[in-house]
Protein backbone atom coordinates (compact mmCIF):
# COMPACT_ATOMS: atom_id res chain seq x y z
CA MET A 1 -49.46 -43.77 -50.79
CA ARG A 2 -52.29 -41.53 -49.74
CA ASP A 3 -52.31 -37.82 -50.46
CA ILE A 4 -51.85 -35.95 -47.17
CA TYR A 5 -53.14 -32.64 -48.53
CA HIS A 6 -56.58 -31.17 -48.05
CA PRO A 7 -58.26 -28.39 -50.11
CA GLY A 8 -56.77 -25.64 -47.91
CA ASN A 9 -53.25 -26.93 -48.63
CA ARG A 10 -54.00 -27.28 -52.30
CA GLU A 11 -55.38 -23.74 -52.56
CA LEU A 12 -52.17 -22.29 -51.15
CA GLN A 13 -49.95 -24.62 -53.22
CA ASP A 14 -51.75 -23.40 -56.34
CA ALA A 15 -51.51 -19.73 -55.25
CA PHE A 16 -47.72 -20.04 -54.75
CA GLY A 17 -47.08 -22.46 -57.63
CA THR A 18 -45.78 -25.25 -55.38
CA ARG A 19 -48.27 -28.03 -56.18
CA PRO A 20 -45.74 -30.01 -58.29
CA LEU A 21 -43.17 -29.77 -55.49
CA ALA A 22 -45.76 -30.78 -52.88
CA ASP A 23 -46.77 -33.75 -55.04
CA ARG A 24 -43.10 -34.88 -55.29
CA VAL A 25 -42.72 -34.55 -51.52
CA ASN A 26 -45.86 -36.64 -51.04
CA ASP A 27 -44.57 -39.31 -53.47
CA LEU A 28 -40.90 -39.43 -52.37
CA ILE A 29 -40.58 -38.35 -48.74
CA ILE A 30 -43.80 -39.23 -46.90
CA GLN A 31 -43.66 -42.83 -45.73
CA PRO A 32 -46.38 -44.90 -44.03
CA GLU A 33 -43.95 -46.36 -41.49
CA ILE A 34 -40.66 -45.84 -39.64
CA GLY A 35 -37.62 -46.95 -41.58
CA ASP A 36 -34.13 -47.67 -40.24
CA GLU A 37 -32.97 -44.05 -40.78
CA GLU A 38 -36.01 -42.65 -39.01
CA ARG A 39 -35.61 -45.15 -36.15
CA GLU A 40 -31.99 -44.14 -35.61
CA PHE A 41 -32.92 -40.44 -35.61
CA ILE A 42 -35.87 -40.79 -33.24
CA THR A 43 -33.93 -42.87 -30.73
CA SER A 44 -30.96 -40.45 -30.80
CA ARG A 45 -33.11 -37.55 -29.55
CA ASN A 46 -33.59 -36.38 -25.97
CA MET A 47 -36.56 -34.15 -26.77
CA PHE A 48 -39.42 -33.61 -29.21
CA PHE A 49 -42.56 -31.47 -29.60
CA ILE A 50 -46.02 -32.99 -29.71
CA SER A 51 -49.22 -31.36 -30.95
CA THR A 52 -52.65 -32.43 -29.71
CA VAL A 53 -56.15 -31.01 -29.88
CA ASP A 54 -58.98 -31.00 -27.37
CA PRO A 55 -62.56 -32.09 -28.16
CA SER A 56 -63.46 -28.59 -29.38
CA GLY A 57 -60.49 -28.51 -31.76
CA GLN A 58 -58.33 -26.18 -29.65
CA PRO A 59 -54.67 -27.14 -30.35
CA THR A 60 -51.75 -27.18 -27.98
CA VAL A 61 -48.08 -28.00 -28.45
CA SER A 62 -45.90 -29.46 -25.72
CA TYR A 63 -42.19 -30.02 -25.32
CA LYS A 64 -41.30 -33.53 -24.09
CA GLY A 65 -37.81 -34.28 -22.84
CA GLY A 66 -35.97 -37.16 -21.24
CA GLU A 67 -32.76 -39.13 -21.50
CA THR A 68 -31.47 -39.77 -25.02
CA GLY A 69 -33.50 -42.70 -26.38
CA PHE A 70 -36.51 -42.18 -24.14
CA VAL A 71 -38.70 -42.44 -27.24
CA ARG A 72 -38.64 -46.06 -28.29
CA VAL A 73 -39.41 -47.40 -31.74
CA LEU A 74 -41.22 -50.66 -30.96
CA ASP A 75 -41.73 -51.61 -34.59
CA SER A 76 -42.10 -49.94 -37.97
CA GLN A 77 -45.59 -48.66 -37.02
CA THR A 78 -45.31 -47.93 -33.30
CA ILE A 79 -43.38 -45.68 -30.96
CA ALA A 80 -43.70 -45.32 -27.18
CA PHE A 81 -42.57 -42.75 -24.63
CA PRO A 82 -43.19 -41.93 -20.99
CA LEU A 83 -45.06 -38.99 -19.52
CA TYR A 84 -43.26 -37.79 -16.43
CA ASP A 85 -44.45 -35.62 -13.54
CA GLY A 86 -45.25 -32.22 -14.96
CA ASN A 87 -47.32 -29.24 -13.96
CA GLY A 88 -50.41 -31.34 -13.18
CA MET A 89 -52.48 -29.95 -16.06
CA PHE A 90 -52.32 -33.14 -18.22
CA LEU A 91 -53.12 -31.09 -21.31
CA SER A 92 -51.41 -33.43 -23.77
CA ALA A 93 -52.45 -36.64 -22.06
CA GLY A 94 -56.02 -35.47 -21.65
CA ASN A 95 -56.20 -34.36 -25.26
CA MET A 96 -54.75 -37.66 -26.49
CA THR A 97 -57.36 -39.52 -24.43
CA ALA A 98 -60.20 -37.45 -25.92
CA CYS A 99 -58.79 -36.95 -29.46
CA PRO A 100 -56.02 -39.41 -30.27
CA ASN A 101 -54.61 -37.79 -33.45
CA VAL A 102 -51.12 -36.40 -32.79
CA GLY A 103 -48.22 -34.80 -34.59
CA LEU A 104 -44.62 -35.10 -33.37
CA LEU A 105 -41.61 -33.07 -34.41
CA PHE A 106 -38.09 -34.36 -33.71
CA ILE A 107 -35.25 -31.85 -34.27
CA ASP A 108 -31.44 -32.00 -34.31
CA PHE A 109 -30.26 -28.43 -33.66
CA GLU A 110 -26.55 -29.26 -33.88
CA ASN A 111 -26.75 -30.90 -37.35
CA PRO A 112 -29.89 -29.31 -38.78
CA HIS A 113 -32.37 -32.06 -39.40
CA ARG A 114 -36.01 -32.62 -38.51
CA LEU A 115 -38.51 -35.42 -38.77
CA ARG A 116 -42.30 -35.25 -38.53
CA LEU A 117 -44.49 -38.13 -37.46
CA HIS A 118 -48.27 -38.34 -37.49
CA GLY A 119 -50.33 -41.01 -35.78
CA THR A 120 -52.94 -42.07 -33.29
CA ALA A 121 -52.06 -42.15 -29.59
CA THR A 122 -53.13 -44.22 -26.62
CA VAL A 123 -52.32 -43.33 -23.03
CA SER A 124 -52.06 -45.89 -20.25
CA ALA A 125 -50.86 -46.27 -16.69
CA ASP A 126 -51.01 -50.05 -17.10
CA ASP A 127 -48.70 -50.37 -20.12
CA GLU A 128 -46.10 -53.16 -19.87
CA LEU A 129 -43.39 -50.52 -20.42
CA MET A 130 -44.20 -48.64 -17.20
CA ASP A 131 -41.52 -50.48 -15.17
CA SER A 132 -38.85 -49.76 -17.77
CA TYR A 133 -39.17 -45.98 -17.37
CA HIS A 134 -38.02 -44.63 -13.99
CA GLU A 135 -40.77 -42.39 -12.47
CA ALA A 136 -43.10 -42.57 -15.49
CA GLN A 137 -46.73 -41.66 -14.70
CA LEU A 138 -48.12 -42.83 -18.03
CA ILE A 139 -46.96 -44.46 -21.24
CA VAL A 140 -48.00 -43.10 -24.62
CA ARG A 141 -47.97 -45.37 -27.65
CA VAL A 142 -48.39 -43.87 -31.09
CA ALA A 143 -49.61 -45.96 -34.04
CA VAL A 144 -47.82 -44.26 -36.93
CA SER A 145 -49.75 -43.15 -40.01
CA ASN A 146 -46.83 -41.36 -41.73
CA THR A 147 -43.34 -40.02 -41.24
CA PHE A 148 -41.41 -37.53 -43.29
CA ILE A 149 -38.22 -35.55 -43.17
CA ASN A 150 -38.82 -31.85 -43.15
CA CYS A 151 -36.71 -29.04 -44.56
CA PRO A 152 -34.07 -28.02 -42.02
CA ARG A 153 -33.39 -24.67 -43.68
CA TYR A 154 -34.45 -22.43 -40.77
CA ILE A 155 -33.21 -24.53 -37.84
CA HIS A 156 -30.97 -22.32 -35.75
CA PRO A 157 -27.96 -23.78 -34.02
CA ALA A 158 -28.29 -24.72 -30.33
CA THR A 159 -25.40 -26.44 -28.71
CA SER A 160 -26.51 -27.47 -25.20
CA GLU A 161 -26.24 -31.19 -24.66
CA ALA A 162 -27.16 -30.88 -21.00
CA GLN A 163 -30.55 -32.16 -19.93
CA SER A 164 -32.88 -30.77 -17.29
CA ILE A 165 -32.08 -31.73 -13.70
CA TYR A 166 -35.69 -32.89 -13.43
CA VAL A 167 -35.38 -35.72 -15.97
CA PRO A 168 -35.86 -38.92 -13.95
CA VAL A 169 -32.67 -40.99 -13.88
CA GLU A 170 -32.51 -44.43 -12.34
CA GLY A 171 -30.44 -44.40 -9.15
CA GLN A 172 -30.70 -40.62 -8.70
CA GLU A 173 -33.21 -38.72 -6.62
CA THR A 174 -35.27 -36.40 -8.81
CA PRO A 175 -35.46 -32.94 -7.21
CA ASP A 176 -38.88 -31.45 -6.57
CA PRO A 177 -39.30 -28.19 -8.53
CA GLU A 178 -40.06 -25.16 -6.37
CA TRP A 179 -43.04 -24.21 -8.55
CA LYS A 180 -44.95 -27.39 -7.60
CA SER A 181 -46.28 -25.82 -4.45
CA TRP A 182 -49.30 -23.53 -4.60
CA ASP A 183 -47.50 -21.01 -2.36
CA VAL A 184 -44.80 -20.44 -5.01
CA VAL A 185 -47.48 -20.06 -7.72
CA ALA A 186 -49.42 -17.71 -5.43
CA ASP A 187 -46.33 -15.58 -4.92
CA VAL A 188 -46.07 -15.10 -8.69
CA LEU A 189 -49.81 -14.58 -9.14
CA PRO A 190 -51.06 -13.41 -5.68
CA GLU A 191 -54.46 -12.28 -6.98
CA LYS A 192 -55.20 -15.82 -8.16
CA LYS A 193 -54.75 -17.52 -4.76
CA PRO A 194 -57.87 -19.52 -3.79
């Protein structure tokens, strides 16, 4: 198992006396692949957060949501998920194309639990999974480098099981959000209108 820590982590671990704990976490919790428990947790989620960076190192974090199980575990080293119509910025997809290293965070707010996943992403409009995701624009595959459960201590309870009305569902027409027209954006930010 490789050590996931760099000198900056180590300096803070030493300052706060947590290096032995961090070493145990590295040895016991961090895994190089997705096990059965992680697979079950990932596929039971209807949302996650993904972090990406642009070529200059500027990070961004995005929320990704869909129907429960929209993230698929293809094998112990690979997950896949769709990118649906968004705000047209393609920040995450563009970043993954330029700099493929990603971090994903899956959270259960009802039964406090979270799982982190690190890996390398590819983005494609020609992926064989395109037809299996209603209204997907792109498919992201992540080659997993490690997964680990993360302390749930500060997860606050959230009880909504409803999903956004904009999540594409086979057999249902997906409504167009009002904010997709430039006129609506211009009403909010009139000084920015071209």
